[in-house]
């Protein structure tokens, strides 16, 4: 199955959570999740009992959609997380946070992960002084991510940086707005990831 191309606000409503898929619009009164606080589609059954499998599936779908991945990519990350030393669920989230497109979004160079993914693919960013145009590239501690000189006049990136204080920069990242540069000070820990995710449900789903 290919990447989802439909209305992304429906995804937030389906998961009953703001996934921050539309950048600044998610903070405004135009946000569809705020205006339509119910799942998409008609004939919605209220108070319907959800099975354990249903809860596990919804959690997996929520995280997959948040990071903008297709099913095959997400499953591969889970396999990596299982092989890695430590707790599989936490490893999974840390791998997802280390993606270059997520780092670009977290540092404030883009208003959404989708926008960040496009910027990376269009060769706007350097990692340690070298061009990297692979959104799934996994950064390491002390890596420096910076905007190319020719890209520092792009209005969308400048506007996004000017509003980064609204959502904040994680404490495991360091941003130098004046130099259009960010540094990975350390890898994130589970405590750094404050978004409401129950990764144990994802582990249970893939462990069947």
Protein backbone atom coordinates (compact mmCIF):
# COMPACT_ATOMS: atom_id res chain seq x y z
CA UNK A 1 0.00 0.00 0.00
CA UNK A 2 1.30 3.46 -0.92
CA UNK A 3 1.47 6.58 1.19
CA UNK A 4 -1.83 8.15 2.24
CA UNK A 5 -2.75 11.13 0.05
CA UNK A 6 -6.17 12.02 1.38
CA UNK A 7 -7.31 14.71 3.85
CA UNK A 8 -4.94 14.44 6.81
CA UNK A 9 -7.37 16.03 9.27
CA UNK A 10 -9.45 12.88 8.98
CA UNK A 11 -6.53 10.92 10.38
CA UNK A 12 -6.48 13.04 13.55
CA UNK A 13 -10.23 12.62 13.96
CA UNK A 14 -9.97 8.87 13.37
CA UNK A 15 -7.27 8.53 16.06
CA UNK A 16 -9.07 10.99 18.37
CA UNK A 17 -5.83 12.93 18.82
CA UNK A 18 -4.10 15.90 17.22
CA UNK A 19 -1.24 14.40 15.22
CA UNK A 20 0.06 17.85 14.16
CA UNK A 21 -0.09 16.96 10.46
CA UNK A 22 -0.95 20.43 9.11
CA UNK A 23 1.51 22.69 10.87
CA UNK A 24 0.20 26.09 11.95
CA UNK A 25 -3.38 25.20 11.07
CA UNK A 26 -3.37 22.72 13.96
CA UNK A 27 -2.90 25.66 16.36
CA UNK A 28 -5.71 27.76 14.86
CA UNK A 29 -9.48 27.73 15.20
CA UNK A 30 -9.62 26.29 11.66
CA UNK A 31 -8.35 22.95 12.93
CA UNK A 32 -10.85 20.29 11.83
CA UNK A 33 -10.12 18.22 14.94
CA UNK A 34 -11.40 21.10 17.10
CA UNK A 35 -14.41 21.82 14.91
CA UNK A 36 -15.44 18.21 14.41
CA UNK A 37 -14.63 16.35 17.60
CA UNK A 38 -15.94 13.01 16.35
CA UNK A 39 -14.60 10.26 14.03
CA UNK A 40 -15.04 10.75 10.27
CA UNK A 41 -17.89 9.04 8.44
CA UNK A 42 -21.59 8.70 9.14
CA UNK A 43 -23.50 6.37 11.42
CA UNK A 44 -20.85 6.50 14.12
CA UNK A 45 -21.55 4.00 16.87
CA UNK A 46 -21.05 5.59 20.26
CA UNK A 47 -19.83 3.66 23.28
CA UNK A 48 -18.90 0.70 21.08
CA UNK A 49 -16.73 -1.82 22.90
CA UNK A 50 -13.25 -2.07 21.37
CA UNK A 51 -11.38 -5.38 21.47
CA UNK A 52 -7.78 -5.73 22.63
CA UNK A 53 -6.74 -6.17 19.01
CA UNK A 54 -8.64 -3.00 18.10
CA UNK A 55 -6.77 -1.00 20.75
CA UNK A 56 -3.43 -2.37 19.59
CA UNK A 57 -4.19 -1.63 15.95
CA UNK A 58 -5.31 1.93 16.68
CA UNK A 59 -2.11 2.62 18.64
CA UNK A 60 0.03 1.32 15.79
CA UNK A 61 -1.93 3.34 13.23
CA UNK A 62 -1.65 6.47 15.38
CA UNK A 63 2.15 6.31 15.61
CA UNK A 64 2.57 5.27 11.98
CA UNK A 65 0.47 8.21 10.81
CA UNK A 66 2.15 10.63 13.16
CA UNK A 67 5.54 9.95 11.58
CA UNK A 68 4.13 9.62 8.05
CA UNK A 69 5.28 6.06 7.36
CA UNK A 70 3.82 3.27 5.27
CA UNK A 71 3.18 -0.14 6.80
CA UNK A 72 6.33 -1.81 5.46
CA UNK A 73 8.56 0.97 6.81
CA UNK A 74 6.94 0.87 10.22
CA UNK A 75 7.25 -2.91 10.49
CA UNK A 76 10.93 -2.73 9.53
CA UNK A 77 11.53 -0.20 12.32
CA UNK A 78 9.87 -2.57 14.78
CA UNK A 79 12.14 -5.42 13.64
CA UNK A 80 15.16 -3.16 14.18
CA UNK A 81 13.85 -2.22 17.63
CA UNK A 82 13.45 -5.90 18.57
CA UNK A 83 17.03 -6.71 17.56
CA UNK A 84 18.44 -3.70 19.40
CA UNK A 85 19.46 -3.98 23.04
CA UNK A 86 16.85 -2.68 25.44
CA UNK A 87 13.05 -2.46 25.48
CA UNK A 88 11.56 -2.94 22.01
CA UNK A 89 8.78 -0.37 22.39
CA UNK A 90 11.12 2.37 23.58
CA UNK A 91 13.68 1.48 20.94
CA UNK A 92 10.99 1.84 18.27
CA UNK A 93 10.08 5.38 19.35
CA UNK A 94 13.73 6.44 19.57
CA UNK A 95 14.44 5.12 16.06
CA UNK A 96 11.47 7.11 14.75
CA UNK A 97 12.65 10.26 16.51
CA UNK A 98 16.13 9.87 14.99
CA UNK A 99 14.82 10.10 11.41
CA UNK A 100 16.21 13.15 9.62
CA UNK A 101 12.77 14.39 8.55
CA UNK A 102 11.64 14.27 12.17
CA UNK A 103 14.76 16.15 13.32
CA UNK A 104 14.10 18.88 10.72
CA UNK A 105 10.54 19.15 12.03
CA UNK A 106 11.57 19.11 15.70
CA UNK A 107 14.16 21.84 15.15
CA UNK A 108 11.49 24.04 13.58
CA UNK A 109 12.71 24.11 9.97
CA UNK A 110 9.33 22.76 8.84
CA UNK A 111 5.76 23.11 10.06
CA UNK A 112 4.96 19.41 9.72
CA UNK A 113 6.79 16.14 9.20
CA UNK A 114 5.41 15.91 5.68
CA UNK A 115 6.84 19.34 4.87
CA UNK A 116 10.13 18.31 6.47
CA UNK A 117 10.26 15.15 4.37
CA UNK A 118 9.84 17.19 1.18
CA UNK A 119 12.54 19.67 2.24
CA UNK A 120 15.02 16.86 2.87
CA UNK A 121 14.25 15.23 -0.47
CA UNK A 122 14.75 18.56 -2.24
CA UNK A 123 18.33 18.74 -0.97
CA UNK A 124 17.89 21.68 1.40
CA UNK A 125 19.82 20.18 4.33
CA UNK A 126 23.34 19.13 5.23
CA UNK A 127 24.38 16.68 7.94
CA UNK A 128 27.90 17.31 9.21
CA UNK A 129 28.56 19.43 6.14
CA UNK A 130 27.46 16.76 3.64
CA UNK A 131 24.27 16.70 1.57
CA UNK A 132 21.74 14.15 2.78
CA UNK A 133 18.43 13.83 0.96
CA UNK A 134 17.15 10.64 2.59
CA UNK A 135 14.29 11.37 5.06
CA UNK A 136 14.87 8.06 6.89
CA UNK A 137 18.55 8.82 7.58
CA UNK A 138 19.19 8.14 11.29
CA UNK A 139 21.11 10.89 13.04
CA UNK A 140 23.62 10.24 15.83
CA UNK A 141 24.65 12.25 18.90
CA UNK A 142 26.79 15.29 18.02
CA UNK A 143 25.56 15.32 14.40
CA UNK A 144 24.95 18.82 13.05
CA UNK A 145 21.95 19.43 10.78
CA UNK A 146 21.98 22.72 8.92
CA UNK A 147 20.24 24.47 6.09
CA UNK A 148 22.17 24.91 2.84
CA UNK A 149 23.30 28.46 2.15
CA UNK A 150 21.12 28.78 -0.95
CA UNK A 151 18.07 27.64 1.01
CA UNK A 152 18.28 30.26 3.78
CA UNK A 153 15.99 32.65 1.90
CA UNK A 154 13.07 30.22 1.54
CA UNK A 155 10.11 32.02 3.10
CA UNK A 156 8.37 28.87 4.34
CA UNK A 157 11.41 27.77 6.35
CA UNK A 158 11.93 31.26 7.78
CA UNK A 159 8.28 31.51 8.81
CA UNK A 160 8.45 28.09 10.44
CA UNK A 161 11.55 29.04 12.45
CA UNK A 162 9.87 32.23 13.61
CA UNK A 163 7.03 30.21 15.15
CA UNK A 164 9.10 27.34 16.60
CA UNK A 165 8.76 28.74 20.12
CA UNK A 166 5.06 27.86 20.01
CA UNK A 167 5.77 24.12 20.10
CA UNK A 168 9.31 24.29 21.53
CA UNK A 169 12.51 22.41 20.72
CA UNK A 170 13.18 19.15 22.64
CA UNK A 171 15.92 19.38 25.24
CA UNK A 172 17.98 16.70 23.46
CA UNK A 173 18.35 19.04 20.48
CA UNK A 174 20.13 22.40 20.26
CA UNK A 175 18.94 25.04 17.79
CA UNK A 176 20.92 28.04 16.55
CA UNK A 177 18.29 30.04 14.67
CA UNK A 178 20.73 32.72 13.50
CA UNK A 179 22.93 30.14 11.77
CA UNK A 180 20.03 27.93 10.60
CA UNK A 181 21.68 25.03 12.38
CA UNK A 182 20.79 22.38 14.89
CA UNK A 183 22.79 19.82 16.85
CA UNK A 184 21.81 16.45 18.27
CA UNK A 185 23.07 16.89 21.82
CA UNK A 186 22.07 13.35 22.80
CA UNK A 187 19.65 10.62 21.88
CA UNK A 188 16.15 11.06 23.28
CA UNK A 189 15.00 8.97 26.21
CA UNK A 190 11.48 7.69 26.76
CA UNK A 191 10.90 10.48 29.27
CA UNK A 192 11.68 13.06 26.56
CA UNK A 193 8.83 11.80 24.37
CA UNK A 194 5.77 13.36 25.94
CA UNK A 195 3.26 12.59 23.20
CA UNK A 196 0.56 10.16 24.48
CA UNK A 197 1.79 6.84 23.08
CA UNK A 198 1.36 3.38 24.62
CA UNK A 199 4.10 1.54 22.80
CA UNK A 200 3.43 -1.69 24.70
CA UNK A 201 0.25 -2.08 22.63
CA UNK A 202 2.32 -1.97 19.43
CA UNK A 203 4.68 -4.60 20.83
CA UNK A 204 1.73 -6.80 21.73
CA UNK A 205 0.28 -6.40 18.22
CA UNK A 206 3.45 -7.43 16.43
CA UNK A 207 4.21 -10.21 18.92
CA UNK A 208 1.14 -12.25 17.97
